[in-house]
Amino acid sequence: MKYILSIIMGAIILSTSYAGTIRPDVEEQEYVDFGKKFFCVKRLIAINEDEKDPSFTAASCVILNKHWCITAGHVTLNEFTSIKVLVGNKVCCIDTLVLNKNFDPSKKVGDIALGFCKEGFGDDIKKPILKKSRVEIGDLCSIAGYGRYGNMETGAKISDYQMRAGSNTISYKYSDMVICDGSKENPTQLEFLPNIGDSGGGMFINGELAGITCLVLGKNGQANSKYGDEVGFVELHKYIEWIENHVKKTEM
């Protein structure tokens, strides 16, 4: 276990770049600075503690209060022995995982899960406001997470496990998801597409948590978040009652 945690903490200390794909004509520092505003978005690690072949899968999550976080359901599907959330230099254990009852990986429906940390993530957690109204096509959104890095010309190529954030516009809806694409003709000022490792990160509209990153659709058959690729977010307003029924039980 100490070996695994050494890998995790080493990635935090040694990484110098940031996650997601960005516009190639915008300074990277603008995305870095924007990412600093999303205090509730954290890195999540699903760990396999096999002594012969230890490994971990990196993803993202959003802390909802002192004890609960939300992430993408699919990042928890493999046989992991533990799930951790990194809050600063603190490693927080997820004691209970609650998959959404509608989660169907084959249909890409209900791809969210709640994680409960008995010890708590800390006393100074800045809780997000959940968006309880529908997301509309054309809404400007902000996206934050920890995923592969690159720009929209080259695609995401480097796993550096660091936060970055940007913006996009809701293009259309499908099932319980809202979809954004990487636009070259009419981009937002900080046009951004999540990638692998950003799953479970937050999508925000007017400062409210409106969705959770769940998938990347690559039009060229590769999910590398290039121009023209699409990203799906589970729309949370459909699951507000389910979320609040769990989270309010331990609201501090």
C-alpha atoms as a PDB file:
ATOM      1  CA  MET A   1       0.000   0.000   0.000  1.00  0.00           C
ATOM      2  CA  LYS A   2       2.859   2.384   0.804  1.00  0.00           C
ATOM      3  CA  TYR A   3       4.231   1.725  -2.684  1.00  0.00           C
ATOM      4  CA  ILE A   4       0.944   2.730  -4.298  1.00  0.00           C
ATOM      5  CA  LEU A   5       0.663   5.933  -2.274  1.00  0.00           C
ATOM      6  CA  SER A   6       4.244   6.820  -3.158  1.00  0.00           C
ATOM      7  CA  ILE A   7       3.304   6.607  -6.837  1.00  0.00           C
ATOM      8  CA  ILE A   8       0.268   8.804  -6.261  1.00  0.00           C
ATOM      9  CA  MET A   9       2.009  11.514  -4.287  1.00  0.00           C
ATOM     10  CA  GLY A  10       4.997  11.476  -6.654  1.00  0.00           C
ATOM     11  CA  ALA A  11       2.689  12.255  -9.547  1.00  0.00           C
ATOM     12  CA  ILE A  12       1.381  15.280  -7.677  1.00  0.00           C
ATOM     13  CA  ILE A  13       4.790  16.667  -6.809  1.00  0.00           C
ATOM     14  CA  LEU A  14       6.601  16.052 -10.111  1.00  0.00           C
ATOM     15  CA  SER A  15       3.933  17.012 -12.637  1.00  0.00           C
ATOM     16  CA  THR A  16       4.485  20.352 -14.350  1.00  0.00           C
ATOM     17  CA  SER A  17       1.765  20.387 -17.011  1.00  0.00           C
ATOM     18  CA  TYR A  18      -2.025  20.398 -16.838  1.00  0.00           C
ATOM     19  CA  ALA A  19      -5.003  18.299 -17.988  1.00  0.00           C
ATOM     20  CA  GLY A  20      -7.415  18.433 -20.951  1.00  0.00           C
ATOM     21  CA  THR A  21      -7.135  19.797 -24.500  1.00  0.00           C
ATOM     22  CA  ILE A  22      -7.059  23.520 -25.178  1.00  0.00           C
ATOM     23  CA  ARG A  23      -7.030  25.991 -28.034  1.00  0.00           C
ATOM     24  CA  PRO A  24      -3.525  26.053 -29.562  1.00  0.00           C
ATOM     25  CA  ASP A  25      -3.764  29.858 -29.967  1.00  0.00           C
ATOM     26  CA  VAL A  26      -4.419  30.627 -26.277  1.00  0.00           C
ATOM     27  CA  GLU A  27      -1.773  30.812 -23.558  1.00  0.00           C
ATOM     28  CA  GLU A  28      -1.802  27.760 -21.313  1.00  0.00           C
ATOM     29  CA  GLN A  29      -1.537  29.919 -18.204  1.00  0.00           C
ATOM     30  CA  GLU A  30      -5.065  31.220 -18.806  1.00  0.00           C
ATOM     31  CA  TYR A  31      -6.419  27.689 -18.409  1.00  0.00           C
ATOM     32  CA  VAL A  32      -4.216  27.110 -15.358  1.00  0.00           C
ATOM     33  CA  ASP A  33      -5.486  30.253 -13.655  1.00  0.00           C
ATOM     34  CA  PHE A  34      -9.100  29.409 -14.461  1.00  0.00           C
ATOM     35  CA  GLY A  35      -8.665  25.947 -12.981  1.00  0.00           C
ATOM     36  CA  LYS A  36      -7.751  27.440  -9.599  1.00  0.00           C
ATOM     37  CA  LYS A  37     -11.362  28.565  -9.146  1.00  0.00           C
ATOM     38  CA  PHE A  38     -12.738  25.012  -8.935  1.00  0.00           C
ATOM     39  CA  PHE A  39     -11.821  24.080  -5.370  1.00  0.00           C
ATOM     40  CA  CYS A  40     -14.424  21.312  -5.162  1.00  0.00           C
ATOM     41  CA  VAL A  41     -12.950  19.288  -8.059  1.00  0.00           C
ATOM     42  CA  LYS A  42     -10.374  16.761  -6.857  1.00  0.00           C
ATOM     43  CA  ARG A  43      -8.340  13.858  -8.135  1.00  0.00           C
ATOM     44  CA  LEU A  44      -9.696  10.340  -7.532  1.00  0.00           C
ATOM     45  CA  ILE A  45      -7.577   7.193  -7.585  1.00  0.00           C
ATOM     46  CA  ALA A  46      -9.009   3.667  -7.834  1.00  0.00           C
ATOM     47  CA  ILE A  47      -6.313   1.312  -6.538  1.00  0.00           C
ATOM     48  CA  ASN A  48      -5.509  -2.353  -7.063  1.00  0.00           C
ATOM     49  CA  GLU A  49      -3.231  -3.372  -4.189  1.00  0.00           C
ATOM     50  CA  ASP A  50      -2.075  -6.667  -5.706  1.00  0.00           C
ATOM     51  CA  GLU A  51       1.445  -7.155  -4.294  1.00  0.00           C
ATOM     52  CA  LYS A  52       2.722  -8.677  -7.547  1.00  0.00           C
ATOM     53  CA  ASP A  53       1.165  -6.147  -9.891  1.00  0.00           C
ATOM     54  CA  PRO A  54       0.031  -2.973  -8.063  1.00  0.00           C
ATOM     55  CA  SER A  55      -1.768  -0.429 -10.213  1.00  0.00           C
ATOM     56  CA  PHE A  56      -4.162   2.467 -10.105  1.00  0.00           C
ATOM     57  CA  THR A  57      -6.641   4.213 -12.363  1.00  0.00           C
ATOM     58  CA  ALA A  58      -6.751   8.008 -12.264  1.00  0.00           C
ATOM     59  CA  ALA A  59      -9.999   9.940 -12.575  1.00  0.00           C
ATOM     60  CA  SER A  60     -11.693  13.024 -11.133  1.00  0.00           C
ATOM     61  CA  CYS A  61     -14.494  13.750  -8.688  1.00  0.00           C
ATOM     62  CA  VAL A  62     -16.411  16.654  -7.167  1.00  0.00           C
ATOM     63  CA  ILE A  63     -16.623  16.996  -3.386  1.00  0.00           C
ATOM     64  CA  LEU A  64     -20.213  17.769  -2.374  1.00  0.00           C
ATOM     65  CA  ASN A  65     -19.721  18.240   1.373  1.00  0.00           C
ATOM     66  CA  LYS A  66     -17.406  17.115   4.170  1.00  0.00           C
ATOM     67  CA  HIS A  67     -18.218  13.427   3.672  1.00  0.00           C
ATOM     68  CA  TRP A  68     -19.577  12.934   0.143  1.00  0.00           C
ATOM     69  CA  CYS A  69     -18.196  13.229  -3.369  1.00  0.00           C
ATOM     70  CA  ILE A  70     -19.616  12.410  -6.796  1.00  0.00           C
ATOM     71  CA  THR A  71     -17.803  10.854  -9.748  1.00  0.00           C
ATOM     72  CA  ALA A  72     -18.493   8.859 -12.917  1.00  0.00           C
ATOM     73  CA  GLY A  73     -19.833   5.384 -12.242  1.00  0.00           C
ATOM     74  CA  HIS A  74     -17.687   3.687 -14.902  1.00  0.00           C
ATOM     75  CA  VAL A  75     -14.380   4.554 -13.194  1.00  0.00           C
ATOM     76  CA  THR A  76     -15.359   2.276 -10.282  1.00  0.00           C
ATOM     77  CA  LEU A  77     -16.348  -0.814 -12.291  1.00  0.00           C
ATOM     78  CA  ASN A  78     -13.069  -2.755 -12.215  1.00  0.00           C
ATOM     79  CA  GLU A  79     -12.068  -4.874  -9.220  1.00  0.00           C
ATOM     80  CA  PHE A  80     -10.288  -2.228  -7.174  1.00  0.00           C
ATOM     81  CA  THR A  81      -9.384  -2.817  -3.546  1.00  0.00           C
ATOM     82  CA  SER A  82      -9.710   0.830  -2.519  1.00  0.00           C
ATOM     83  CA  ILE A  83     -10.675   4.246  -3.825  1.00  0.00           C
ATOM     84  CA  LYS A  84      -8.917   7.420  -2.655  1.00  0.00           C
ATOM     85  CA  VAL A  85      -9.557  11.126  -3.101  1.00  0.00           C
ATOM     86  CA  LEU A  86      -6.590  13.492  -2.964  1.00  0.00           C
ATOM     87  CA  VAL A  87      -7.308  16.742  -1.122  1.00  0.00           C
ATOM     88  CA  GLY A  88      -4.115  18.776  -1.070  1.00  0.00           C
ATOM     89  CA  ASN A  89      -1.529  16.516   0.570  1.00  0.00           C
ATOM     90  CA  LYS A  90      -4.241  14.455   2.289  1.00  0.00           C
ATOM     91  CA  VAL A  91      -5.268  11.030   0.988  1.00  0.00           C
ATOM     92  CA  CYS A  92      -8.930  10.369   1.853  1.00  0.00           C
ATOM     93  CA  CYS A  93     -10.403   6.866   1.733  1.00  0.00           C
ATOM     94  CA  ILE A  94     -13.834   6.230   0.216  1.00  0.00           C
ATOM     95  CA  ASP A  95     -15.505   3.861   2.681  1.00  0.00           C
ATOM     96  CA  THR A  96     -18.803   3.401   0.833  1.00  0.00           C
ATOM     97  CA  LEU A  97     -19.525   3.643  -2.884  1.00  0.00           C
ATOM     98  CA  VAL A  98     -23.113   4.097  -4.093  1.00  0.00           C
ATOM     99  CA  LEU A  99     -23.708   3.503  -7.816  1.00  0.00           C
ATOM    100  CA  ASN A 100     -26.749   5.180  -9.317  1.00  0.00           C
ATOM    101  CA  LYS A 101     -29.598   2.694  -9.587  1.00  0.00           C
ATOM    102  CA  ASN A 102     -30.105   3.584 -13.265  1.00  0.00           C
ATOM    103  CA  PHE A 103     -26.466   3.012 -14.198  1.00  0.00           C
ATOM    104  CA  ASP A 104     -26.242   0.891 -17.345  1.00  0.00           C
ATOM    105  CA  PRO A 105     -22.737   0.875 -18.899  1.00  0.00           C
ATOM    106  CA  SER A 106     -23.973  -0.686 -22.137  1.00  0.00           C
ATOM    107  CA  LYS A 107     -26.525   2.079 -22.690  1.00  0.00           C
ATOM    108  CA  LYS A 108     -24.356   4.877 -21.239  1.00  0.00           C
ATOM    109  CA  VAL A 109     -27.132   5.830 -18.799  1.00  0.00           C
ATOM    110  CA  GLY A 110     -26.913   6.945 -15.164  1.00  0.00           C
ATOM    111  CA  ASP A 111     -23.096   7.028 -15.224  1.00  0.00           C
ATOM    112  CA  ILE A 112     -22.616   8.577 -11.777  1.00  0.00           C
ATOM    113  CA  ALA A 113     -21.657   7.303  -8.332  1.00  0.00           C
ATOM    114  CA  LEU A 114     -21.452   8.798  -4.852  1.00  0.00           C
ATOM    115  CA  GLY A 115     -18.516   8.173  -2.536  1.00  0.00           C
ATOM    116  CA  PHE A 116     -18.729   8.428   1.270  1.00  0.00           C
ATOM    117  CA  CYS A 117     -15.636   9.224   3.342  1.00  0.00           C
ATOM    118  CA  LYS A 118     -16.249   8.550   7.042  1.00  0.00           C
ATOM    119  CA  GLU A 119     -13.173  10.491   8.167  1.00  0.00           C
ATOM    120  CA  GLY A 120     -14.163  13.436   6.011  1.00  0.00           C
ATOM    121  CA  PHE A 121     -12.356  15.484   3.383  1.00  0.00           C
ATOM    122  CA  GLY A 122     -11.624  18.371   5.759  1.00  0.00           C
ATOM    123  CA  ASP A 123     -13.367  21.161   7.630  1.00  0.00           C
ATOM    124  CA  ASP A 124     -12.801  23.880   5.032  1.00  0.00           C
ATOM    125  CA  ILE A 125     -14.563  22.213   2.090  1.00  0.00           C
ATOM    126  CA  LYS A 126     -16.169  24.683  -0.304  1.00  0.00           C
ATOM    127  CA  LYS A 127     -19.408  22.973  -1.317  1.00  0.00           C
ATOM    128  CA  PRO A 128     -20.768  23.491  -4.834  1.00  0.00           C
ATOM    129  CA  ILE A 129     -24.374  24.497  -5.479  1.00  0.00           C
ATOM    130  CA  LEU A 130     -26.241  21.837  -7.457  1.00  0.00           C
ATOM    131  CA  LYS A 131     -28.095  23.104 -10.517  1.00  0.00           C
ATOM    132  CA  LYS A 132     -31.691  21.928 -10.110  1.00  0.00           C
ATOM    133  CA  SER A 133     -33.034  23.280 -13.391  1.00  0.00           C
ATOM    134  CA  ARG A 134     -32.546  21.811 -16.852  1.00  0.00           C
ATOM    135  CA  VAL A 135     -29.454  22.491 -18.927  1.00  0.00           C
ATOM    136  CA  GLU A 136     -30.381  24.141 -22.229  1.00  0.00           C
ATOM    137  CA  ILE A 137     -28.777  23.803 -25.637  1.00  0.00           C
ATOM    138  CA  GLY A 138     -26.533  26.823 -26.172  1.00  0.00           C
ATOM    139  CA  ASP A 139     -25.670  27.234 -22.477  1.00  0.00           C
ATOM    140  CA  LEU A 140     -22.096  28.321 -21.790  1.00  0.00           C
ATOM    141  CA  CYS A 141     -20.444  25.899 -19.384  1.00  0.00           C
ATOM    142  CA  SER A 142     -17.184  25.574 -17.480  1.00  0.00           C
ATOM    143  CA  ILE A 143     -15.411  22.214 -17.232  1.00  0.00           C
ATOM    144  CA  ALA A 144     -12.738  21.095 -14.758  1.00  0.00           C
ATOM    145  CA  GLY A 145     -10.887  17.845 -14.132  1.00  0.00           C
ATOM    146  CA  TYR A 146      -7.633  15.867 -14.096  1.00  0.00           C
ATOM    147  CA  GLY A 147      -6.968  14.136 -17.406  1.00  0.00           C
ATOM    148  CA  ARG A 148      -4.607  13.712 -20.337  1.00  0.00           C
ATOM    149  CA  TYR A 149      -3.033  16.886 -21.668  1.00  0.00           C
ATOM    150  CA  GLY A 150      -2.695  18.341 -25.182  1.00  0.00           C
ATOM    151  CA  ASN A 151      -4.288  20.817 -27.555  1.00  0.00           C
ATOM    152  CA  MET A 152      -7.158  20.391 -29.969  1.00  0.00           C
ATOM    153  CA  GLU A 153      -4.873  20.133 -32.995  1.00  0.00           C
ATOM    154  CA  THR A 154      -2.664  17.332 -31.655  1.00  0.00           C
ATOM    155  CA  GLY A 155      -5.128  15.730 -29.212  1.00  0.00           C
ATOM    156  CA  ALA A 156      -4.497  14.668 -25.623  1.00  0.00           C
ATOM    157  CA  LYS A 157      -1.300  12.641 -25.290  1.00  0.00           C
ATOM    158  CA  ILE A 158       0.327  13.205 -21.896  1.00  0.00           C
ATOM    159  CA  SER A 159      -0.971  11.984 -18.528  1.00  0.00           C
ATOM    160  CA  ASP A 160       0.174  14.522 -15.970  1.00  0.00           C
ATOM    161  CA  TYR A 161      -2.634  14.325 -13.401  1.00  0.00           C
ATOM    162  CA  GLN A 162      -3.011  18.053 -12.852  1.00  0.00           C
ATOM    163  CA  MET A 163      -6.038  20.329 -12.781  1.00  0.00           C
ATOM    164  CA  ARG A 164      -7.042  22.596 -15.598  1.00  0.00           C
ATOM    165  CA  ALA A 165     -10.349  24.142 -16.611  1.00  0.00           C
ATOM    166  CA  GLY A 166     -11.916  25.792 -19.625  1.00  0.00           C
ATOM    167  CA  SER A 167     -15.251  26.475 -21.268  1.00  0.00           C
ATOM    168  CA  ASN A 168     -17.545  25.175 -23.981  1.00  0.00           C
ATOM    169  CA  THR A 169     -21.123  25.412 -25.241  1.00  0.00           C
ATOM    170  CA  ILE A 170     -23.836  22.776 -24.935  1.00  0.00           C
ATOM    171  CA  SER A 171     -24.442  21.437 -28.467  1.00  0.00           C
ATOM    172  CA  TYR A 172     -27.235  18.923 -27.973  1.00  0.00           C
ATOM    173  CA  LYS A 173     -28.742  16.366 -25.587  1.00  0.00           C
ATOM    174  CA  TYR A 174     -28.745  12.585 -25.734  1.00  0.00           C
ATOM    175  CA  SER A 175     -30.425  10.282 -23.199  1.00  0.00           C
ATOM    176  CA  ASP A 176     -29.533  11.682 -19.740  1.00  0.00           C
ATOM    177  CA  MET A 177     -26.456  13.499 -21.068  1.00  0.00           C
ATOM    178  CA  VAL A 178     -25.624  16.913 -22.468  1.00  0.00           C
ATOM    179  CA  ILE A 179     -22.964  17.079 -25.191  1.00  0.00           C
ATOM    180  CA  CYS A 180     -20.219  19.574 -26.065  1.00  0.00           C
ATOM    181  CA  ASP A 181     -17.916  19.480 -29.088  1.00  0.00           C
ATOM    182  CA  GLY A 182     -14.567  21.017 -29.914  1.00  0.00           C
ATOM    183  CA  SER A 183     -15.336  23.930 -32.215  1.00  0.00           C
ATOM    184  CA  LYS A 184     -12.676  25.388 -34.498  1.00  0.00           C
ATOM    185  CA  GLU A 185     -14.990  27.818 -36.285  1.00  0.00           C
ATOM    186  CA  ASN A 186     -16.786  29.326 -33.287  1.00  0.00           C
ATOM    187  CA  PRO A 187     -14.815  28.498 -30.124  1.00  0.00           C
ATOM    188  CA  THR A 188     -15.337  29.967 -26.677  1.00  0.00           C
ATOM    189  CA  GLN A 189     -12.561  32.133 -25.250  1.00  0.00           C
ATOM    190  CA  LEU A 190     -11.160  29.165 -23.304  1.00  0.00           C
ATOM    191  CA  GLU A 191     -12.466  26.334 -25.513  1.00  0.00           C
ATOM    192  CA  PHE A 192     -11.766  23.074 -23.700  1.00  0.00           C
ATOM    193  CA  LEU A 193     -12.466  19.353 -24.040  1.00  0.00           C
ATOM    194  CA  PRO A 194     -11.951  16.800 -21.242  1.00  0.00           C
ATOM    195  CA  ASN A 195     -10.157  13.524 -21.882  1.00  0.00           C
ATOM    196  CA  ILE A 196      -9.233  10.267 -20.157  1.00  0.00           C
ATOM    197  CA  GLY A 197      -8.764  10.982 -16.455  1.00  0.00           C
ATOM    198  CA  ASP A 198     -11.278  13.827 -16.502  1.00  0.00           C
ATOM    199  CA  SER A 199     -14.138  11.341 -16.012  1.00  0.00           C
ATOM    200  CA  GLY A 200     -15.986  12.277 -12.831  1.00  0.00           C
ATOM    201  CA  GLY A 201     -14.963  15.937 -13.048  1.00  0.00           C
ATOM    202  CA  GLY A 202     -17.464  18.773 -12.936  1.00  0.00           C
ATOM    203  CA  MET A 203     -19.379  20.710 -15.565  1.00  0.00           C
ATOM    204  CA  PHE A 204     -20.668  24.028 -14.228  1.00  0.00           C
ATOM    205  CA  ILE A 205     -23.185  26.570 -15.513  1.00  0.00           C
ATOM    206  CA  ASN A 206     -23.335  30.015 -13.899  1.00  0.00           C
ATOM    207  CA  GLY A 207     -21.278  28.665 -11.019  1.00  0.00           C
ATOM    208  CA  GLU A 208     -23.602  25.729 -10.296  1.00  0.00           C
ATOM    209  CA  LEU A 209     -22.643  22.064 -10.675  1.00  0.00           C
ATOM    210  CA  ALA A 210     -24.757  20.913 -13.628  1.00  0.00           C
ATOM    211  CA  GLY A 211     -23.062  17.745 -14.887  1.00  0.00           C
ATOM    212  CA  ILE A 212     -20.388  15.087 -14.436  1.00  0.00           C
ATOM    213  CA  THR A 213     -17.941  14.198 -17.219  1.00  0.00           C
ATOM    214  CA  CYS A 214     -18.598  10.650 -18.425  1.00  0.00           C
ATOM    215  CA  LEU A 215     -17.369  10.014 -21.987  1.00  0.00           C
ATOM    216  CA  VAL A 216     -15.423  11.206 -25.038  1.00  0.00           C
ATOM    217  CA  LEU A 217     -16.659  10.469 -28.557  1.00  0.00           C
ATOM    218  CA  GLY A 218     -13.859  10.555 -31.125  1.00  0.00           C
ATOM    219  CA  LYS A 219     -15.076  11.080 -34.678  1.00  0.00           C
ATOM    220  CA  ASN A 220     -11.875   9.554 -36.085  1.00  0.00           C
ATOM    221  CA  GLY A 221     -12.232   6.485 -33.892  1.00  0.00           C
ATOM    222  CA  GLN A 222      -9.776   7.806 -31.309  1.00  0.00           C
ATOM    223  CA  ALA A 223     -11.000   9.454 -28.110  1.00  0.00           C
ATOM    224  CA  ASN A 224      -8.243  12.076 -27.978  1.00  0.00           C
ATOM    225  CA  SER A 225     -10.401  15.239 -27.735  1.00  0.00           C
ATOM    226  CA  LYS A 226      -9.370  16.858 -31.006  1.00  0.00           C
ATOM    227  CA  TYR A 227     -11.393  19.453 -32.904  1.00  0.00           C
ATOM    228  CA  GLY A 228     -14.710  17.885 -33.842  1.00  0.00           C
ATOM    229  CA  ASP A 229     -14.715  15.323 -31.042  1.00  0.00           C
ATOM    230  CA  GLU A 230     -17.551  15.361 -28.527  1.00  0.00           C
ATOM    231  CA  VAL A 231     -17.758  14.999 -24.747  1.00  0.00           C
ATOM    232  CA  GLY A 232     -20.775  13.850 -22.740  1.00  0.00           C
ATOM    233  CA  PHE A 233     -21.806  14.940 -19.241  1.00  0.00           C
ATOM    234  CA  VAL A 234     -24.491  13.306 -17.101  1.00  0.00           C
ATOM    235  CA  GLU A 235     -27.076  16.049 -16.462  1.00  0.00           C
ATOM    236  CA  LEU A 236     -27.459  16.154 -12.678  1.00  0.00           C
ATOM    237  CA  HIS A 237     -30.876  17.781 -12.428  1.00  0.00           C
ATOM    238  CA  LYS A 238     -32.339  14.392 -13.374  1.00  0.00           C
ATOM    239  CA  TYR A 239     -30.719  12.866 -10.287  1.00  0.00           C
ATOM    240  CA  ILE A 240     -31.001  15.668  -7.709  1.00  0.00           C
ATOM    241  CA  GLU A 241     -33.373  13.741  -5.422  1.00  0.00           C
ATOM    242  CA  TRP A 242     -31.120  10.672  -5.463  1.00  0.00           C
ATOM    243  CA  ILE A 243     -28.041  12.780  -4.679  1.00  0.00           C
ATOM    244  CA  GLU A 244     -29.657  14.810  -1.901  1.00  0.00           C
ATOM    245  CA  ASN A 245     -31.238  11.756  -0.248  1.00  0.00           C
ATOM    246  CA  HIS A 246     -27.719  10.458   0.403  1.00  0.00           C
ATOM    247  CA  VAL A 247     -25.771  13.658   0.944  1.00  0.00           C
ATOM    248  CA  LYS A 248     -28.189  15.278   3.402  1.00  0.00           C
ATOM    249  CA  LYS A 249     -27.921  12.296   5.766  1.00  0.00           C
ATOM    250  CA  THR A 250     -24.473  13.455   6.840  1.00  0.00           C
ATOM    251  CA  GLU A 251     -24.595  17.181   6.042  1.00  0.00           C
ATOM    252  CA  MET A 252     -22.271  18.951   8.486  1.00  0.00           C
END
